Amino acid sequence: MKCSYKRIIILLALLVPLYVVPISVYAQQPFQTDDADTTERGTFHFEFFNEFDVLQRSFYPARTQNTSNFKLNYGLTDRIELDCDIPVITIFNADVSPLGNPMGNGDLDFGVKYNFRQEKRGSWLPALAVANYVEVPTGNVEKQLGSGVTDVELYGVAQKTLPKDFTLRANLGFLFTGNDSTGLVGITSLRGAVWTAGISLVKEINSKLSLGGEVFGGWTGNRALRESQLTPLVGVIYAVRDNFSFNFAFHGGKGEGSPRVGAVVGFSMDFK
């Protein structure tokens, strides 16, 4: 129950500014493919999502996983964004598991993103950004909540506005050390040399509603391990007001690191 009280307190504290300072929210969640935009200088951007996944059969006696993720960005400048996020993970096992249904925090993430080129009207060149993340092993390894290793990832982002209110985004990343796992979802058995890539296409239906799809994947440089992740997703973003939006998505997966099926629901908000 302590964890539930903490979540309620955090959410209430963060929701108070929602009615005080209206700031535009940029849309990335529920997609894994990052955008090239950065949070406005002096502004906080908060995201929360809850993801429920049916795991691959090879993880038995683990059957499903629930991940609640809390993410906070801060605009250090108009082009540099700082990030910190931590997941709270619950793994639901069959009765034969000696672990029961472990629950706790996962691995803590710190990151920085730099937008070095903004999109310009009339130019065919996309907006470009680069991000670097370090994930420290704060999750319990014995309970399968953490990886037990420090992850270091660098990835690039390209973003292009297309005709008819479409936005195309693409990511390409490389984990120098560590792995791509959050609990049991992701590439878990390799300690380094993991490539990640994602591409999303989002259509703005009107000023409040956007629909989109993406394919996000990861694979290792060692074919002998046969570890891979390929997750197609369809999602919806609905802006309740300028600084607050809800989102939800459904996804499936192929490969050891992907869930068989899953659903995501969350919200995003900006405040000063």
Protein backbone atom coordinates (compact mmCIF):
# COMPACT_ATOMS: atom_id res chain seq x y z
CA MET A 1 0.00 0.00 0.00
CA LYS A 2 2.90 2.39 0.61
CA CYS A 3 3.71 2.37 -3.09
CA SER A 4 0.10 3.25 -3.94
CA TYR A 5 0.07 6.20 -1.53
CA LYS A 6 3.32 7.49 -2.98
CA ARG A 7 1.90 7.34 -6.50
CA ILE A 8 -1.22 9.26 -5.48
CA ILE A 9 0.83 11.97 -3.73
CA ILE A 10 3.16 12.36 -6.72
CA LEU A 11 0.30 12.59 -9.21
CA LEU A 12 -1.65 15.10 -7.12
CA ALA A 13 1.42 17.27 -6.67
CA LEU A 14 2.11 17.27 -10.38
CA LEU A 15 -1.48 17.89 -11.42
CA VAL A 16 -1.79 21.14 -9.42
CA PRO A 17 0.19 23.22 -11.98
CA LEU A 18 -2.08 21.91 -14.73
CA TYR A 19 -4.60 24.62 -13.88
CA VAL A 20 -2.01 27.36 -13.31
CA VAL A 21 0.33 27.70 -16.29
CA PRO A 22 -0.85 26.73 -19.81
CA ILE A 23 2.06 25.46 -21.93
CA SER A 24 1.88 23.43 -25.12
CA VAL A 25 2.57 19.70 -24.80
CA TYR A 26 4.60 18.03 -27.52
CA ALA A 27 3.47 14.54 -28.45
CA GLN A 28 5.71 11.51 -28.17
CA GLN A 29 4.01 9.13 -25.77
CA PRO A 30 2.67 6.42 -26.26
CA PHE A 31 5.27 5.80 -28.96
CA GLN A 32 8.72 4.45 -28.14
CA THR A 33 10.18 6.34 -31.09
CA ASP A 34 11.49 9.61 -29.64
CA ASP A 35 10.84 13.02 -31.19
CA ALA A 36 13.41 15.68 -32.05
CA ASP A 37 11.68 18.34 -29.94
CA THR A 38 12.98 19.41 -26.54
CA THR A 39 11.11 20.85 -23.58
CA GLU A 40 10.89 24.65 -23.54
CA ARG A 41 13.55 26.37 -21.42
CA GLY A 42 12.63 26.52 -17.72
CA THR A 43 9.71 24.13 -18.22
CA PHE A 44 9.04 20.70 -16.74
CA HIS A 45 7.45 17.99 -18.88
CA PHE A 46 5.94 15.06 -16.98
CA GLU A 47 4.82 11.75 -18.47
CA PHE A 48 3.15 8.79 -16.82
CA PHE A 49 2.14 5.57 -18.49
CA ASN A 50 0.98 2.16 -17.39
CA GLU A 51 1.81 -0.76 -19.69
CA PHE A 52 0.42 -4.28 -19.31
CA ASP A 53 2.10 -7.02 -21.34
CA VAL A 54 1.54 -10.72 -21.95
CA LEU A 55 5.04 -12.21 -21.96
CA GLN A 56 6.52 -14.70 -24.39
CA ARG A 57 5.90 -18.34 -23.40
CA SER A 58 9.64 -18.89 -22.95
CA PHE A 59 9.50 -16.74 -19.78
CA TYR A 60 7.20 -19.22 -18.00
CA PRO A 61 6.48 -19.34 -15.04
CA ALA A 62 6.36 -15.56 -15.60
CA ARG A 63 3.13 -14.84 -17.48
CA THR A 64 2.47 -11.10 -17.55
CA GLN A 65 4.18 -7.87 -16.56
CA ASN A 66 2.78 -4.48 -15.52
CA THR A 67 5.05 -1.44 -15.80
CA SER A 68 4.16 1.99 -14.39
CA ASN A 69 6.68 4.57 -15.58
CA PHE A 70 7.24 8.06 -14.17
CA LYS A 71 9.27 10.39 -16.39
CA LEU A 72 10.30 14.02 -15.81
CA ASN A 73 12.03 16.25 -18.39
CA TYR A 74 13.41 19.73 -17.83
CA GLY A 75 14.29 22.30 -20.50
CA LEU A 76 17.78 23.47 -19.58
CA THR A 77 17.87 25.62 -22.73
CA ASP A 78 15.58 25.84 -25.74
CA ARG A 79 17.60 23.00 -27.33
CA ILE A 80 18.88 20.94 -24.38
CA GLU A 81 16.60 18.73 -22.31
CA LEU A 82 17.42 16.76 -19.16
CA ASP A 83 15.54 13.57 -18.31
CA CYS A 84 15.00 11.26 -15.35
CA ASP A 85 12.59 8.31 -15.22
CA ILE A 86 11.98 5.20 -13.17
CA PRO A 87 9.60 2.27 -13.70
CA VAL A 88 7.61 0.44 -11.04
CA ILE A 89 7.31 -3.18 -12.18
CA THR A 90 5.03 -6.06 -11.19
CA ILE A 91 5.62 -9.53 -12.62
CA PHE A 92 2.76 -12.02 -12.36
CA ASN A 93 3.99 -15.62 -12.14
CA ALA A 94 2.31 -19.00 -12.16
CA ASP A 95 1.85 -20.64 -8.76
CA VAL A 96 4.91 -22.87 -9.32
CA SER A 97 7.26 -19.86 -9.13
CA PRO A 98 9.09 -19.41 -5.79
CA LEU A 99 9.17 -15.64 -6.43
CA GLY A 100 5.42 -15.12 -6.11
CA ASN A 101 4.46 -11.88 -7.85
CA PRO A 102 7.42 -9.54 -7.28
CA MET A 103 6.82 -5.80 -7.31
CA GLY A 104 9.22 -2.88 -6.96
CA ASN A 105 11.15 -0.18 -8.73
CA GLY A 106 13.16 -1.02 -11.82
CA ASP A 107 16.36 0.58 -13.08
CA LEU A 108 16.69 4.38 -12.86
CA ASP A 109 17.35 6.30 -16.10
CA PHE A 110 19.19 9.62 -16.57
CA GLY A 111 19.47 11.29 -19.95
CA VAL A 112 20.17 14.41 -21.97
CA LYS A 113 18.85 15.30 -25.44
CA TYR A 114 20.25 17.99 -27.73
CA ASN A 115 18.31 19.35 -30.71
CA PHE A 116 21.02 20.60 -33.09
CA ARG A 117 18.77 21.29 -36.06
CA GLN A 118 15.21 22.56 -36.10
CA GLU A 119 12.95 21.99 -39.07
CA LYS A 120 12.62 25.00 -41.35
CA ARG A 121 9.69 25.86 -43.59
CA GLY A 122 10.46 25.16 -47.22
CA SER A 123 13.44 22.92 -46.48
CA TRP A 124 13.47 19.19 -47.19
CA LEU A 125 15.90 18.58 -44.32
CA PRO A 126 14.39 17.12 -41.11
CA ALA A 127 14.80 18.28 -37.53
CA LEU A 128 17.71 16.41 -35.92
CA ALA A 129 18.59 15.55 -32.34
CA VAL A 130 20.91 13.27 -30.40
CA ALA A 131 20.32 11.75 -26.96
CA ASN A 132 22.46 9.92 -24.43
CA TYR A 133 21.03 7.81 -21.59
CA VAL A 134 22.61 6.06 -18.63
CA GLU A 135 20.54 3.49 -16.75
CA VAL A 136 21.80 2.50 -13.29
CA PRO A 137 20.96 -0.91 -11.75
CA THR A 138 18.56 0.11 -8.97
CA GLY A 139 16.09 -2.75 -9.57
CA ASN A 140 16.24 -6.04 -7.67
CA VAL A 141 17.96 -8.61 -9.91
CA GLU A 142 16.86 -11.68 -7.91
CA LYS A 143 13.23 -10.66 -8.35
CA GLN A 144 13.82 -9.99 -12.08
CA LEU A 145 13.00 -6.29 -11.66
CA GLY A 146 16.44 -5.02 -12.70
CA SER A 147 19.19 -5.98 -15.12
CA GLY A 148 22.07 -5.75 -12.66
CA VAL A 149 24.23 -3.83 -15.13
CA THR A 150 24.76 -0.18 -16.05
CA ASP A 151 23.37 0.65 -19.50
CA VAL A 152 24.85 3.38 -21.72
CA GLU A 153 22.93 4.23 -24.89
CA LEU A 154 23.38 6.84 -27.62
CA TYR A 155 20.76 7.41 -30.30
CA GLY A 156 19.89 9.86 -33.02
CA VAL A 157 16.49 11.30 -33.98
CA ALA A 158 15.19 12.60 -37.30
CA GLN A 159 11.77 14.25 -37.57
CA LYS A 160 10.00 15.56 -40.67
CA THR A 161 6.63 17.24 -41.10
CA LEU A 162 4.85 15.86 -44.17
CA PRO A 163 1.85 17.12 -46.17
CA LYS A 164 -1.68 16.59 -44.83
CA ASP A 165 -0.59 16.94 -41.18
CA PHE A 166 1.57 13.81 -41.02
CA THR A 167 4.77 13.70 -38.94
CA LEU A 168 7.45 11.09 -39.58
CA ARG A 169 10.02 10.25 -36.88
CA ALA A 170 12.93 7.82 -36.94
CA ASN A 171 15.45 6.71 -34.31
CA LEU A 172 18.66 4.71 -34.52
CA GLY A 173 20.57 3.83 -31.37
CA PHE A 174 23.39 1.74 -29.94
CA LEU A 175 23.89 0.40 -26.43
CA PHE A 176 27.62 0.45 -25.75
CA THR A 177 27.21 -1.49 -22.51
CA GLY A 178 24.29 -3.12 -20.71
CA ASN A 179 21.05 -4.39 -22.24
CA ASP A 180 17.66 -3.20 -23.40
CA SER A 181 15.44 -4.73 -20.71
CA THR A 182 12.77 -3.31 -18.43
CA GLY A 183 11.93 -6.18 -16.14
CA LEU A 184 11.39 -9.11 -18.53
CA VAL A 185 10.52 -6.96 -21.56
CA GLY A 186 13.43 -6.17 -23.86
CA ILE A 187 16.74 -7.79 -24.73
CA THR A 188 17.97 -9.28 -21.47
CA SER A 189 20.74 -11.82 -22.01
CA LEU A 190 23.42 -9.74 -23.72
CA ARG A 191 25.77 -7.43 -21.85
CA GLY A 192 26.42 -4.87 -24.57
CA ALA A 193 26.31 -4.37 -28.37
CA VAL A 194 22.57 -3.86 -28.77
CA TRP A 195 21.18 -1.90 -31.72
CA THR A 196 17.77 -0.21 -31.46
CA ALA A 197 15.66 1.42 -34.16
CA GLY A 198 12.17 2.86 -34.42
CA ILE A 199 10.00 4.63 -36.97
CA SER A 200 6.62 6.25 -36.35
CA LEU A 201 4.06 8.05 -38.50
CA VAL A 202 1.49 10.25 -36.73
CA LYS A 203 -1.50 11.96 -38.33
CA GLU A 204 -3.03 15.05 -36.70
CA ILE A 205 -6.77 14.61 -37.23
CA ASN A 206 -7.64 17.94 -35.62
CA SER A 207 -6.30 20.26 -32.90
CA LYS A 208 -7.08 17.68 -30.21
CA LEU A 209 -6.83 14.23 -31.78
CA SER A 210 -3.83 12.46 -33.33
CA LEU A 211 -3.53 8.87 -34.54
CA GLY A 212 -0.36 6.99 -35.34
CA GLY A 213 1.56 3.80 -35.72
CA GLU A 214 5.13 2.68 -35.28
CA VAL A 215 7.51 -0.24 -35.48
CA PHE A 216 10.23 -0.40 -32.84
CA GLY A 217 12.93 -3.05 -32.64
CA GLY A 218 16.20 -4.13 -31.12
CA TRP A 219 18.74 -6.77 -31.98
CA THR A 220 22.18 -7.92 -30.92
CA GLY A 221 25.42 -8.16 -32.83
CA ASN A 222 25.77 -11.82 -31.83
CA ARG A 223 23.55 -14.11 -33.88
CA ALA A 224 24.30 -17.04 -31.59
CA LEU A 225 22.19 -15.44 -28.87
CA ARG A 226 19.17 -15.02 -31.18
CA GLU A 227 17.94 -12.17 -28.96
CA SER A 228 15.68 -9.73 -30.81
CA GLN A 229 12.76 -7.39 -30.29
CA LEU A 230 10.21 -6.24 -32.87
CA THR A 231 7.11 -4.41 -31.63
CA PRO A 232 4.50 -2.81 -33.92
CA LEU A 233 2.15 -0.37 -32.17
CA VAL A 234 -0.93 1.73 -32.93
CA GLY A 235 -1.74 4.66 -30.66
CA VAL A 236 -4.05 7.61 -30.03
CA ILE A 237 -3.25 11.00 -28.47
CA TYR A 238 -6.04 13.26 -27.24
CA ALA A 239 -5.25 16.78 -26.01
CA VAL A 240 -7.62 17.72 -23.20
CA ARG A 241 -6.06 21.19 -23.12
CA ASP A 242 -2.88 22.85 -24.39
CA ASN A 243 -0.72 21.50 -21.56
CA PHE A 244 -2.36 18.13 -20.89
CA SER A 245 -3.03 15.10 -23.08
CA PHE A 246 -4.14 11.50 -22.66
CA ASN A 247 -2.86 8.64 -24.79
CA PHE A 248 -3.36 4.93 -25.24
CA ALA A 249 -1.99 2.24 -27.51
CA PHE A 250 -2.06 -1.46 -28.36
CA HIS A 251 0.94 -3.46 -29.49
CA GLY A 252 2.04 -6.96 -30.37
CA GLY A 253 5.48 -8.44 -30.60
CA LYS A 254 7.83 -10.84 -32.28
CA GLY A 255 11.12 -12.01 -30.82
CA GLU A 256 12.30 -12.99 -27.37
CA GLY A 257 12.48 -9.39 -26.14
CA SER A 258 8.96 -8.39 -27.20
CA PRO A 259 5.67 -8.98 -25.38
CA ARG A 260 3.18 -11.17 -27.22
CA VAL A 261 0.47 -8.51 -26.83
CA GLY A 262 0.12 -5.45 -24.64
CA ALA A 263 -1.68 -2.18 -23.95
CA VAL A 264 -0.49 1.23 -22.79
CA VAL A 265 -2.43 4.10 -21.22
CA GLY A 266 -0.94 7.34 -19.93
CA PHE A 267 -0.89 11.12 -19.88
CA SER A 268 1.57 13.97 -20.54
CA MET A 269 1.68 17.49 -19.14
CA ASP A 270 3.87 20.59 -19.06
CA PHE A 271 4.25 23.08 -16.22
CA LYS A 272 6.59 25.71 -14.81
